[in-house]
Amino acid sequence: MYTKNKISNFQTPKSALKKMFFGICIFLLGISANAQCAMCRAALAGDSNIKKAEAVNDGIVFLMIIPYLLVAIIGFLIYKMYRSKKKKAE
């Protein structure tokens, strides 16, 4: 039977935001990794390909920005939804 005072199993928004912030921090630590696939490393090895190597590394960084940006936007929208519900409740 449903009662209004029943405690739900869901996390509070504060604890969910703390966990999301911790997860984002962990992902941001991986940005400084200097790994490349074997074929990229072989094709770009040597002093004559410095510009190409920098361009490939910049491309990788730009491709990595998109998932982080999406997570940040979704997190911000969830935060705004939470805030608007909280204001309506008051």
Protein backbone atom coordinates (compact mmCIF):
# COMPACT_ATOMS: atom_id res chain seq x y z
CA MET A 1 0.00 0.00 0.00
CA TYR A 2 1.28 3.45 -0.89
CA THR A 3 1.88 5.96 1.89
CA LYS A 4 3.12 9.51 1.59
CA ASN A 5 5.72 9.13 4.35
CA LYS A 6 7.44 6.12 2.80
CA ILE A 7 11.16 6.69 2.23
CA SER A 8 12.15 6.09 -1.36
CA ASN A 9 15.23 4.20 -2.53
CA PHE A 10 16.38 7.07 -4.72
CA GLN A 11 19.45 9.14 -3.91
CA THR A 12 19.06 12.69 -2.81
CA PRO A 13 19.97 15.18 -5.54
CA LYS A 14 22.92 16.48 -3.50
CA SER A 15 24.53 13.06 -3.20
CA ALA A 16 23.85 12.37 -6.89
CA LEU A 17 25.53 15.66 -7.85
CA LYS A 18 28.51 14.86 -5.63
CA LYS A 19 28.92 11.48 -7.29
CA MET A 20 28.59 13.02 -10.75
CA PHE A 21 31.20 15.68 -9.90
CA PHE A 22 33.57 12.97 -8.62
CA GLY A 23 33.05 10.96 -11.81
CA ILE A 24 33.76 13.97 -14.01
CA CYS A 25 36.96 14.67 -12.06
CA ILE A 26 38.11 11.08 -12.61
CA PHE A 27 37.46 11.38 -16.36
CA LEU A 28 39.34 14.68 -16.56
CA LEU A 29 42.43 13.02 -15.10
CA GLY A 30 42.61 10.84 -18.21
CA ILE A 31 43.04 13.84 -20.52
CA SER A 32 46.77 14.00 -19.91
CA ALA A 33 47.36 10.46 -21.25
CA ASN A 34 49.94 10.35 -24.07
CA ALA A 35 48.90 7.11 -25.76
CA GLN A 36 48.60 6.52 -29.50
CA CYS A 37 47.77 3.50 -31.60
CA ALA A 38 50.74 1.66 -33.11
CA MET A 39 49.98 2.74 -36.69
CA CYS A 40 49.67 6.41 -35.77
CA ARG A 41 52.91 6.27 -33.84
CA ALA A 42 54.74 4.57 -36.75
CA ALA A 43 53.34 7.00 -39.33
CA LEU A 44 54.17 10.09 -37.30
CA ALA A 45 57.52 9.05 -35.84
CA GLY A 46 60.57 11.11 -36.60
CA ASP A 47 61.57 14.76 -36.55
CA SER A 48 60.18 15.54 -40.02
CA ASN A 49 56.56 14.93 -39.00
CA ILE A 50 56.35 17.26 -35.99
CA LYS A 51 53.57 19.40 -37.50
CA LYS A 52 51.52 16.34 -38.49
CA ALA A 53 51.97 14.79 -35.05
CA GLU A 54 50.80 18.00 -33.37
CA ALA A 55 47.79 18.15 -35.70
CA VAL A 56 46.83 14.55 -34.89
CA ASN A 57 47.15 15.19 -31.15
CA ASP A 58 45.05 18.35 -31.42
CA GLY A 59 42.39 16.41 -33.33
CA ILE A 60 42.27 13.78 -30.59
CA VAL A 61 41.82 16.45 -27.94
CA PHE A 62 39.01 18.12 -29.92
CA LEU A 63 37.26 14.77 -30.32
CA MET A 64 37.52 14.18 -26.56
CA ILE A 65 35.92 17.54 -25.76
CA ILE A 66 32.50 16.59 -27.19
CA PRO A 67 31.58 13.83 -24.67
CA TYR A 68 32.67 15.99 -21.73
CA LEU A 69 30.68 18.90 -23.08
CA LEU A 70 27.58 16.72 -23.46
CA VAL A 71 27.89 15.43 -19.90
CA ALA A 72 28.31 18.99 -18.61
CA ILE A 73 25.22 20.21 -20.51
CA ILE A 74 23.09 17.29 -19.32
CA GLY A 75 24.29 17.82 -15.74
CA PHE A 76 23.46 21.52 -15.94
CA LEU A 77 19.97 20.78 -17.28
CA ILE A 78 19.34 18.29 -14.47
CA TYR A 79 20.54 20.88 -11.96
CA LYS A 80 18.19 23.51 -13.42
CA MET A 81 15.27 21.07 -13.33
CA TYR A 82 16.00 20.27 -9.70
CA ARG A 83 16.22 23.95 -8.79
CA SER A 84 12.96 24.81 -10.56
CA LYS A 85 11.12 21.96 -8.78
CA LYS A 86 12.56 23.10 -5.46
CA LYS A 87 11.39 26.67 -6.04
CA LYS A 88 7.89 25.52 -6.99
CA ALA A 89 7.68 23.44 -3.80
CA GLU A 90 8.43 26.50 -1.65
